[in-house]
Amino acid sequence: MKNMCIAAPAQIVKIDREANVLYADFGGARQAAKMDLLPDVEIGEYVLIHAGYAIEKLSEEAAKESLEAWEELLEILEEEDKEMEKARIEAGLNQ
């Protein structure tokens, strides 16, 4: 399987216009992103971040829908990790 990067929704919490960088919150983690493509964003707005760049401004409604989908995906992945760990233990492969 090839590695894949996808855009993640986040809310802007800080802006450094001199450095052309915003800081956004994604599920409690702060992430810096360059503002080259979205120079007019403001604190409190939602953006999609991909490969270190804010690439699209989102409405609050679209951001919340996207964040809910992310939460569901993370829950599924966490459950799959637990199942894989259990299978490794049962197969005697977890050392």
PDB file of N, CA and C in Angstrom:
ATOM      1  N   MET A   1       0.842  -1.178   0.000  1.00  0.00           N
ATOM      2  CA  MET A   1       0.000   0.000   0.000  1.00  0.00           C
ATOM      3  C   MET A   1       0.889   1.244   0.000  1.00  0.00           C
ATOM      4  N   LYS A   2       0.585   2.184  -0.844  1.00  0.00           N
ATOM      5  CA  LYS A   2       1.341   3.429  -0.902  1.00  0.00           C
ATOM      6  C   LYS A   2       0.878   4.368   0.196  1.00  0.00           C
ATOM      7  N   ASN A   3       1.797   5.223   0.656  1.00  0.00           N
ATOM      8  CA  ASN A   3       1.420   6.250   1.622  1.00  0.00           C
ATOM      9  C   ASN A   3       0.552   7.276   0.929  1.00  0.00           C
ATOM     10  N   MET A   4      -0.417   7.804   1.680  1.00  0.00           N
ATOM     11  CA  MET A   4      -1.316   8.780   1.115  1.00  0.00           C
ATOM     12  C   MET A   4      -1.489   9.913   2.114  1.00  0.00           C
ATOM     13  N   CYS A   5      -1.467  11.126   1.629  1.00  0.00           N
ATOM     14  CA  CYS A   5      -1.723  12.293   2.464  1.00  0.00           C
ATOM     15  C   CYS A   5      -3.102  12.822   2.125  1.00  0.00           C
ATOM     16  N   ILE A   6      -3.839  13.179   3.137  1.00  0.00           N
ATOM     17  CA  ILE A   6      -5.151  13.763   2.902  1.00  0.00           C
ATOM     18  C   ILE A   6      -5.263  15.063   3.672  1.00  0.00           C
ATOM     19  N   ALA A   7      -6.123  15.931   3.198  1.00  0.00           N
ATOM     20  CA  ALA A   7      -6.311  17.226   3.845  1.00  0.00           C
ATOM     21  C   ALA A   7      -7.109  17.045   5.129  1.00  0.00           C
ATOM     22  N   ALA A   8      -6.698  17.750   6.168  1.00  0.00           N
ATOM     23  CA  ALA A   8      -7.354  17.659   7.465  1.00  0.00           C
ATOM     24  C   ALA A   8      -7.975  19.005   7.830  1.00  0.00           C
ATOM     25  N   PRO A   9      -9.214  19.007   8.350  1.00  0.00           N
ATOM     26  CA  PRO A   9      -9.851  20.252   8.776  1.00  0.00           C
ATOM     27  C   PRO A   9      -9.331  20.688  10.139  1.00  0.00           C
ATOM     28  N   ALA A  10      -9.160  21.985  10.319  1.00  0.00           N
ATOM     29  CA  ALA A  10      -8.665  22.506  11.594  1.00  0.00           C
ATOM     30  C   ALA A  10      -9.146  23.945  11.770  1.00  0.00           C
ATOM     31  N   GLN A  11      -9.255  24.368  13.034  1.00  0.00           N
ATOM     32  CA  GLN A  11      -9.680  25.734  13.343  1.00  0.00           C
ATOM     33  C   GLN A  11      -8.460  26.591  13.657  1.00  0.00           C
ATOM     34  N   ILE A  12      -8.403  27.764  13.047  1.00  0.00           N
ATOM     35  CA  ILE A  12      -7.267  28.667  13.235  1.00  0.00           C
ATOM     36  C   ILE A  12      -7.309  29.259  14.642  1.00  0.00           C
ATOM     37  N   VAL A  13      -6.193  29.131  15.369  1.00  0.00           N
ATOM     38  CA  VAL A  13      -6.115  29.665  16.733  1.00  0.00           C
ATOM     39  C   VAL A  13      -5.100  30.796  16.862  1.00  0.00           C
ATOM     40  N   LYS A  14      -4.205  30.921  15.889  1.00  0.00           N
ATOM     41  CA  LYS A  14      -3.183  31.968  15.943  1.00  0.00           C
ATOM     42  C   LYS A  14      -2.691  32.235  14.523  1.00  0.00           C
ATOM     43  N   ILE A  15      -2.335  33.490  14.255  1.00  0.00           N
ATOM     44  CA  ILE A  15      -1.805  33.856  12.941  1.00  0.00           C
ATOM     45  C   ILE A  15      -0.553  34.701  13.126  1.00  0.00           C
ATOM     46  N   ASP A  16       0.498  34.354  12.390  1.00  0.00           N
ATOM     47  CA  ASP A  16       1.721  35.152  12.341  1.00  0.00           C
ATOM     48  C   ASP A  16       1.852  35.652  10.905  1.00  0.00           C
ATOM     49  N   ARG A  17       1.323  36.849  10.656  1.00  0.00           N
ATOM     50  CA  ARG A  17       1.299  37.377   9.284  1.00  0.00           C
ATOM     51  C   ARG A  17       2.704  37.685   8.766  1.00  0.00           C
ATOM     52  N   GLU A  18       3.620  38.072   9.648  1.00  0.00           N
ATOM     53  CA  GLU A  18       5.001  38.334   9.205  1.00  0.00           C
ATOM     54  C   GLU A  18       5.641  37.081   8.630  1.00  0.00           C
ATOM     55  N   ALA A  19       5.415  35.966   9.289  1.00  0.00           N
ATOM     56  CA  ALA A  19       5.978  34.694   8.830  1.00  0.00           C
ATOM     57  C   ALA A  19       5.067  34.001   7.814  1.00  0.00           C
ATOM     58  N   ASN A  20       3.854  34.549   7.612  1.00  0.00           N
ATOM     59  CA  ASN A  20       2.863  33.980   6.700  1.00  0.00           C
ATOM     60  C   ASN A  20       2.477  32.556   7.112  1.00  0.00           C
ATOM     61  N   VAL A  21       2.294  32.389   8.432  1.00  0.00           N
ATOM     62  CA  VAL A  21       1.978  31.077   9.000  1.00  0.00           C
ATOM     63  C   VAL A  21       0.773  31.202   9.921  1.00  0.00           C
ATOM     64  N   LEU A  22      -0.096  30.210   9.861  1.00  0.00           N
ATOM     65  CA  LEU A  22      -1.192  30.132  10.822  1.00  0.00           C
ATOM     66  C   LEU A  22      -0.974  28.897  11.682  1.00  0.00           C
ATOM     67  N   TYR A  23      -1.591  28.913  12.848  1.00  0.00           N
ATOM     68  CA  TYR A  23      -1.566  27.766  13.751  1.00  0.00           C
ATOM     69  C   TYR A  23      -3.008  27.351  13.954  1.00  0.00           C
ATOM     70  N   ALA A  24      -3.272  26.069  13.746  1.00  0.00           N
ATOM     71  CA  ALA A  24      -4.644  25.586  13.800  1.00  0.00           C
ATOM     72  C   ALA A  24      -4.735  24.381  14.722  1.00  0.00           C
ATOM     73  N   ASP A  25      -5.911  24.216  15.314  1.00  0.00           N
ATOM     74  CA  ASP A  25      -6.173  23.120  16.237  1.00  0.00           C
ATOM     75  C   ASP A  25      -6.871  21.998  15.486  1.00  0.00           C
ATOM     76  N   PHE A  26      -6.316  20.817  15.582  1.00  0.00           N
ATOM     77  CA  PHE A  26      -6.920  19.624  15.003  1.00  0.00           C
ATOM     78  C   PHE A  26      -7.029  18.575  16.093  1.00  0.00           C
ATOM     79  N   GLY A  27      -8.195  18.459  16.672  1.00  0.00           N
ATOM     80  CA  GLY A  27      -8.419  17.457  17.707  1.00  0.00           C
ATOM     81  C   GLY A  27      -7.532  17.609  18.919  1.00  0.00           C
ATOM     82  N   GLY A  28      -7.220  18.842  19.289  1.00  0.00           N
ATOM     83  CA  GLY A  28      -6.391  19.084  20.457  1.00  0.00           C
ATOM     84  C   GLY A  28      -4.910  19.231  20.147  1.00  0.00           C
ATOM     85  N   ALA A  29      -4.521  18.940  18.930  1.00  0.00           N
ATOM     86  CA  ALA A  29      -3.123  19.101  18.518  1.00  0.00           C
ATOM     87  C   ALA A  29      -3.003  20.351  17.660  1.00  0.00           C
ATOM     88  N   ARG A  30      -1.968  21.142  17.922  1.00  0.00           N
ATOM     89  CA  ARG A  30      -1.735  22.346  17.109  1.00  0.00           C
ATOM     90  C   ARG A  30      -0.835  22.009  15.939  1.00  0.00           C
ATOM     91  N   GLN A  31      -1.178  22.601  14.810  1.00  0.00           N
ATOM     92  CA  GLN A  31      -0.404  22.366  13.601  1.00  0.00           C
ATOM     93  C   GLN A  31      -0.151  23.707  12.919  1.00  0.00           C
ATOM     94  N   ALA A  32       1.076  23.936  12.497  1.00  0.00           N
ATOM     95  CA  ALA A  32       1.411  25.144  11.739  1.00  0.00           C
ATOM     96  C   ALA A  32       1.166  24.868  10.263  1.00  0.00           C
ATOM     97  N   ALA A  33       0.737  25.905   9.547  1.00  0.00           N
ATOM     98  CA  ALA A  33       0.522  25.774   8.105  1.00  0.00           C
ATOM     99  C   ALA A  33       0.830  27.095   7.426  1.00  0.00           C
ATOM    100  N   LYS A  34       1.403  27.008   6.260  1.00  0.00           N
ATOM    101  CA  LYS A  34       1.694  28.212   5.484  1.00  0.00           C
ATOM    102  C   LYS A  34       0.398  28.760   4.898  1.00  0.00           C
ATOM    103  N   MET A  35       0.343  30.091   4.793  1.00  0.00           N
ATOM    104  CA  MET A  35      -0.867  30.778   4.342  1.00  0.00           C
ATOM    105  C   MET A  35      -0.761  31.274   2.901  1.00  0.00           C
ATOM    106  N   ASP A  36       0.177  30.779   2.130  1.00  0.00           N
ATOM    107  CA  ASP A  36       0.400  31.277   0.771  1.00  0.00           C
ATOM    108  C   ASP A  36      -0.866  31.258  -0.086  1.00  0.00           C
ATOM    109  N   LEU A  37      -1.692  30.235   0.080  1.00  0.00           N
ATOM    110  CA  LEU A  37      -2.893  30.092  -0.744  1.00  0.00           C
ATOM    111  C   LEU A  37      -4.109  30.794  -0.153  1.00  0.00           C
ATOM    112  N   LEU A  38      -4.055  31.127   1.131  1.00  0.00           N
ATOM    113  CA  LEU A  38      -5.187  31.767   1.823  1.00  0.00           C
ATOM    114  C   LEU A  38      -4.693  32.913   2.702  1.00  0.00           C
ATOM    115  N   PRO A  39      -4.249  34.003   2.117  1.00  0.00           N
ATOM    116  CA  PRO A  39      -3.660  35.082   2.922  1.00  0.00           C
ATOM    117  C   PRO A  39      -4.655  35.860   3.785  1.00  0.00           C
ATOM    118  N   ASP A  40      -5.959  35.746   3.502  1.00  0.00           N
ATOM    119  CA  ASP A  40      -6.944  36.576   4.199  1.00  0.00           C
ATOM    120  C   ASP A  40      -7.743  35.846   5.273  1.00  0.00           C
ATOM    121  N   VAL A  41      -7.242  34.741   5.787  1.00  0.00           N
ATOM    122  CA  VAL A  41      -7.976  34.014   6.824  1.00  0.00           C
ATOM    123  C   VAL A  41      -7.870  34.736   8.163  1.00  0.00           C
ATOM    124  N   GLU A  42      -8.786  34.396   9.075  1.00  0.00           N
ATOM    125  CA  GLU A  42      -8.832  35.027  10.392  1.00  0.00           C
ATOM    126  C   GLU A  42      -8.897  33.960  11.484  1.00  0.00           C
ATOM    127  N   ILE A  43      -8.501  34.345  12.690  1.00  0.00           N
ATOM    128  CA  ILE A  43      -8.594  33.453  13.848  1.00  0.00           C
ATOM    129  C   ILE A  43     -10.056  33.043  14.026  1.00  0.00           C
ATOM    130  N   GLY A  44     -10.265  31.763  14.312  1.00  0.00           N
ATOM    131  CA  GLY A  44     -11.606  31.222  14.510  1.00  0.00           C
ATOM    132  C   GLY A  44     -12.177  30.555  13.272  1.00  0.00           C
ATOM    133  N   GLU A  45     -11.623  30.862  12.099  1.00  0.00           N
ATOM    134  CA  GLU A  45     -12.105  30.233  10.875  1.00  0.00           C
ATOM    135  C   GLU A  45     -11.542  28.820  10.756  1.00  0.00           C
ATOM    136  N   TYR A  46     -12.200  28.030   9.923  1.00  0.00           N
ATOM    137  CA  TYR A  46     -11.771  26.656   9.670  1.00  0.00           C
ATOM    138  C   TYR A  46     -11.119  26.575   8.295  1.00  0.00           C
ATOM    139  N   VAL A  47     -10.068  25.780   8.217  1.00  0.00           N
ATOM    140  CA  VAL A  47      -9.362  25.568   6.955  1.00  0.00           C
ATOM    141  C   VAL A  47      -9.020  24.091   6.796  1.00  0.00           C
ATOM    142  N   LEU A  48      -8.781  23.703   5.551  1.00  0.00           N
ATOM    143  CA  LEU A  48      -8.211  22.390   5.279  1.00  0.00           C
ATOM    144  C   LEU A  48      -6.710  22.566   5.183  1.00  0.00           C
ATOM    145  N   ILE A  49      -5.977  21.679   5.835  1.00  0.00           N
ATOM    146  CA  ILE A  49      -4.518  21.725   5.800  1.00  0.00           C
ATOM    147  C   ILE A  49      -4.016  20.461   5.114  1.00  0.00           C
ATOM    148  N   HIS A  50      -3.120  20.670   4.155  1.00  0.00           N
ATOM    149  CA  HIS A  50      -2.540  19.553   3.412  1.00  0.00           C
ATOM    150  C   HIS A  50      -1.077  19.861   3.133  1.00  0.00           C
ATOM    151  N   ALA A  51      -0.210  18.950   3.499  1.00  0.00           N
ATOM    152  CA  ALA A  51       1.227  19.063   3.216  1.00  0.00           C
ATOM    153  C   ALA A  51       1.814  20.378   3.714  1.00  0.00           C
ATOM    154  N   GLY A  52       1.326  20.839   4.876  1.00  0.00           N
ATOM    155  CA  GLY A  52       1.888  22.039   5.485  1.00  0.00           C
ATOM    156  C   GLY A  52       1.323  23.352   4.978  1.00  0.00           C
ATOM    157  N   TYR A  53       0.280  23.286   4.154  1.00  0.00           N
ATOM    158  CA  TYR A  53      -0.351  24.491   3.614  1.00  0.00           C
ATOM    159  C   TYR A  53      -1.842  24.506   3.939  1.00  0.00           C
ATOM    160  N   ALA A  54      -2.359  25.681   4.279  1.00  0.00           N
ATOM    161  CA  ALA A  54      -3.804  25.872   4.368  1.00  0.00           C
ATOM    162  C   ALA A  54      -4.277  26.014   2.924  1.00  0.00           C
ATOM    163  N   ILE A  55      -5.126  25.083   2.476  1.00  0.00           N
ATOM    164  CA  ILE A  55      -5.473  25.055   1.050  1.00  0.00           C
ATOM    165  C   ILE A  55      -6.894  25.497   0.749  1.00  0.00           C
ATOM    166  N   GLU A  56      -7.768  25.491   1.764  1.00  0.00           N
ATOM    167  CA  GLU A  56      -9.160  25.860   1.507  1.00  0.00           C
ATOM    168  C   GLU A  56      -9.815  26.321   2.796  1.00  0.00           C
ATOM    169  N   LYS A  57     -10.617  27.369   2.699  1.00  0.00           N
ATOM    170  CA  LYS A  57     -11.394  27.835   3.844  1.00  0.00           C
ATOM    171  C   LYS A  57     -12.707  27.055   3.863  1.00  0.00           C
ATOM    172  N   LEU A  58     -13.138  26.637   5.057  1.00  0.00           N
ATOM    173  CA  LEU A  58     -14.376  25.874   5.210  1.00  0.00           C
ATOM    174  C   LEU A  58     -15.399  26.680   5.997  1.00  0.00           C
ATOM    175  N   SER A  59     -16.676  26.461   5.681  1.00  0.00           N
ATOM    176  CA  SER A  59     -17.728  27.014   6.527  1.00  0.00           C
ATOM    177  C   SER A  59     -17.710  26.232   7.837  1.00  0.00           C
ATOM    178  N   GLU A  60     -18.271  26.804   8.880  1.00  0.00           N
ATOM    179  CA  GLU A  60     -18.302  26.108  10.167  1.00  0.00           C
ATOM    180  C   GLU A  60     -19.056  24.790  10.043  1.00  0.00           C
ATOM    181  N   GLU A  61     -20.156  24.800   9.289  1.00  0.00           N
ATOM    182  CA  GLU A  61     -20.953  23.583   9.114  1.00  0.00           C
ATOM    183  C   GLU A  61     -20.154  22.493   8.394  1.00  0.00           C
ATOM    184  N   ALA A  62     -19.480  22.863   7.314  1.00  0.00           N
ATOM    185  CA  ALA A  62     -18.673  21.889   6.567  1.00  0.00           C
ATOM    186  C   ALA A  62     -17.534  21.357   7.427  1.00  0.00           C
ATOM    187  N   ALA A  63     -16.927  22.238   8.211  1.00  0.00           N
ATOM    188  CA  ALA A  63     -15.830  21.818   9.088  1.00  0.00           C
ATOM    189  C   ALA A  63     -16.323  20.823  10.129  1.00  0.00           C
ATOM    190  N   LYS A  64     -17.469  21.103  10.731  1.00  0.00           N
ATOM    191  CA  LYS A  64     -17.991  20.199  11.760  1.00  0.00           C
ATOM    192  C   LYS A  64     -18.347  18.840  11.170  1.00  0.00           C
ATOM    193  N   GLU A  65     -18.923  18.829   9.963  1.00  0.00           N
ATOM    194  CA  GLU A  65     -19.228  17.553   9.308  1.00  0.00           C
ATOM    195  C   GLU A  65     -17.944  16.773   9.023  1.00  0.00           C
ATOM    196  N   SER A  66     -16.943  17.469   8.546  1.00  0.00           N
ATOM    197  CA  SER A  66     -15.665  16.831   8.248  1.00  0.00           C
ATOM    198  C   SER A  66     -14.998  16.306   9.520  1.00  0.00           C
ATOM    199  N   LEU A  67     -15.047  17.100  10.587  1.00  0.00           N
ATOM    200  CA  LEU A  67     -14.458  16.671  11.861  1.00  0.00           C
ATOM    201  C   LEU A  67     -15.174  15.449  12.419  1.00  0.00           C
ATOM    202  N   GLU A  68     -16.504  15.388  12.264  1.00  0.00           N
ATOM    203  CA  GLU A  68     -17.252  14.208  12.712  1.00  0.00           C
ATOM    204  C   GLU A  68     -16.818  12.974  11.925  1.00  0.00           C
ATOM    205  N   ALA A  69     -16.614  13.131  10.618  1.00  0.00           N
ATOM    206  CA  ALA A  69     -16.157  12.011   9.794  1.00  0.00           C
ATOM    207  C   ALA A  69     -14.765  11.555  10.231  1.00  0.00           C
ATOM    208  N   TRP A  70     -13.879  12.511  10.552  1.00  0.00           N
ATOM    209  CA  TRP A  70     -12.546  12.178  11.055  1.00  0.00           C
ATOM    210  C   TRP A  70     -12.651  11.389  12.353  1.00  0.00           C
ATOM    211  N   GLU A  71     -13.524  11.831  13.256  1.00  0.00           N
ATOM    212  CA  GLU A  71     -13.695  11.134  14.545  1.00  0.00           C
ATOM    213  C   GLU A  71     -14.121   9.687  14.307  1.00  0.00           C
ATOM    214  N   GLU A  72     -15.078   9.488  13.396  1.00  0.00           N
ATOM    215  CA  GLU A  72     -15.548   8.141  13.092  1.00  0.00           C
ATOM    216  C   GLU A  72     -14.412   7.289  12.525  1.00  0.00           C
ATOM    217  N   LEU A  73     -13.641   7.865  11.612  1.00  0.00           N
ATOM    218  CA  LEU A  73     -12.519   7.138  11.021  1.00  0.00           C
ATOM    219  C   LEU A  73     -11.494   6.750  12.082  1.00  0.00           C
ATOM    220  N   LEU A  74     -11.161   7.678  12.964  1.00  0.00           N
ATOM    221  CA  LEU A  74     -10.182   7.389  14.014  1.00  0.00           C
ATOM    222  C   LEU A  74     -10.676   6.299  14.958  1.00  0.00           C
ATOM    223  N   GLU A  75     -11.971   6.297  15.259  1.00  0.00           N
ATOM    224  CA  GLU A  75     -12.532   5.242  16.106  1.00  0.00           C
ATOM    225  C   GLU A  75     -12.414   3.882  15.423  1.00  0.00           C
ATOM    226  N   ILE A  76     -12.710   3.833  14.128  1.00  0.00           N
ATOM    227  CA  ILE A  76     -12.607   2.582  13.372  1.00  0.00           C
ATOM    228  C   ILE A  76     -11.160   2.091  13.358  1.00  0.00           C
ATOM    229  N   LEU A  77     -10.226   2.990  13.094  1.00  0.00           N
ATOM    230  CA  LEU A  77      -8.812   2.604  13.055  1.00  0.00           C
ATOM    231  C   LEU A  77      -8.320   2.125  14.417  1.00  0.00           C
ATOM    232  N   GLU A  78      -8.770   2.777  15.473  1.00  0.00           N
ATOM    233  CA  GLU A  78      -8.383   2.357  16.823  1.00  0.00           C
ATOM    234  C   GLU A  78      -8.908   0.956  17.116  1.00  0.00           C
ATOM    235  N   GLU A  79     -10.146   0.684  16.722  1.00  0.00           N
ATOM    236  CA  GLU A  79     -10.729  -0.639  16.935  1.00  0.00           C
ATOM    237  C   GLU A  79      -9.971  -1.694  16.127  1.00  0.00           C
ATOM    238  N   GLU A  80      -9.604  -1.364  14.895  1.00  0.00           N
ATOM    239  CA  GLU A  80      -8.825  -2.300  14.078  1.00  0.00           C
ATOM    240  C   GLU A  80      -7.462  -2.583  14.703  1.00  0.00           C
ATOM    241  N   ASP A  81      -6.825  -1.563  15.259  1.00  0.00           N
ATOM    242  CA  ASP A  81      -5.541  -1.761  15.942  1.00  0.00           C
ATOM    243  C   ASP A  81      -5.692  -2.726  17.112  1.00  0.00           C
ATOM    244  N   LYS A  82      -6.763  -2.562  17.881  1.00  0.00           N
ATOM    245  CA  LYS A  82      -7.007  -3.456  19.019  1.00  0.00           C
ATOM    246  C   LYS A  82      -7.204  -4.890  18.545  1.00  0.00           C
ATOM    247  N   GLU A  83      -7.967  -5.066  17.457  1.00  0.00           N
ATOM    248  CA  GLU A  83      -8.208  -6.405  16.929  1.00  0.00           C
ATOM    249  C   GLU A  83      -6.917  -7.038  16.405  1.00  0.00           C
ATOM    250  N   MET A  84      -6.079  -6.251  15.745  1.00  0.00           N
ATOM    251  CA  MET A  84      -4.804  -6.768  15.244  1.00  0.00           C
ATOM    252  C   MET A  84      -3.887  -7.167  16.400  1.00  0.00           C
ATOM    253  N   GLU A  85      -3.843  -6.360  17.431  1.00  0.00           N
ATOM    254  CA  GLU A  85      -3.014  -6.674  18.601  1.00  0.00           C
ATOM    255  C   GLU A  85      -3.497  -7.959  19.263  1.00  0.00           C
ATOM    256  N   LYS A  86      -4.805  -8.105  19.385  1.00  0.00           N
ATOM    257  CA  LYS A  86      -5.373  -9.320  19.976  1.00  0.00           C
ATOM    258  C   LYS A  86      -5.006 -10.541  19.131  1.00  0.00           C
ATOM    259  N   ALA A  87      -5.096 -10.419  17.805  1.00  0.00           N
ATOM    260  CA  ALA A  87      -4.753 -11.528  16.911  1.00  0.00           C
ATOM    261  C   ALA A  87      -3.273 -11.886  17.023  1.00  0.00           C
ATOM    262  N   ARG A  88      -2.407 -10.877  17.146  1.00  0.00           N
ATOM    263  CA  ARG A  88      -0.969 -11.134  17.309  1.00  0.00           C
ATOM    264  C   ARG A  88      -0.701 -11.908  18.603  1.00  0.00           C
ATOM    265  N   ILE A  89      -1.346 -11.484  19.675  1.00  0.00           N
ATOM    266  CA  ILE A  89      -1.156 -12.148  20.968  1.00  0.00           C
ATOM    267  C   ILE A  89      -1.624 -13.595  20.885  1.00  0.00           C
ATOM    268  N   GLU A  90      -2.817 -13.799  20.300  1.00  0.00           N
ATOM    269  CA  GLU A  90      -3.361 -15.158  20.183  1.00  0.00           C
ATOM    270  C   GLU A  90      -2.479 -16.046  19.312  1.00  0.00           C
ATOM    271  N   ALA A  91      -1.809 -15.461  18.323  1.00  0.00           N
ATOM    272  CA  ALA A  91      -0.934 -16.230  17.434  1.00  0.00           C
ATOM    273  C   ALA A  91       0.479 -16.371  17.998  1.00  0.00           C
ATOM    274  N   GLY A  92       0.718 -15.753  19.160  1.00  0.00           N
ATOM    275  CA  GLY A  92       2.035 -15.829  19.777  1.00  0.00           C
ATOM    276  C   GLY A  92       3.084 -14.990  19.063  1.00  0.00           C
ATOM    277  N   LEU A  93       2.649 -13.983  18.340  1.00  0.00           N
ATOM    278  CA  LEU A  93       3.580 -13.152  17.576  1.00  0.00           C
ATOM    279  C   LEU A  93       3.944 -11.862  18.284  1.00  0.00           C
ATOM    280  N   ASN A  94       3.342 -11.595  19.395  1.00  0.00           N
ATOM    281  CA  ASN A  94       3.589 -10.327  20.103  1.00  0.00           C
ATOM    282  C   ASN A  94       4.657 -10.539  21.161  1.00  0.00           C
ATOM    283  N   GLN A  95       5.882 -10.176  20.840  1.00  0.00           N
ATOM    284  CA  GLN A  95       6.967 -10.377  21.799  1.00  0.00           C
ATOM    285  C   GLN A  95       7.652  -9.109  22.119  1.00  0.00           C
TER     286      GLN A  95
END
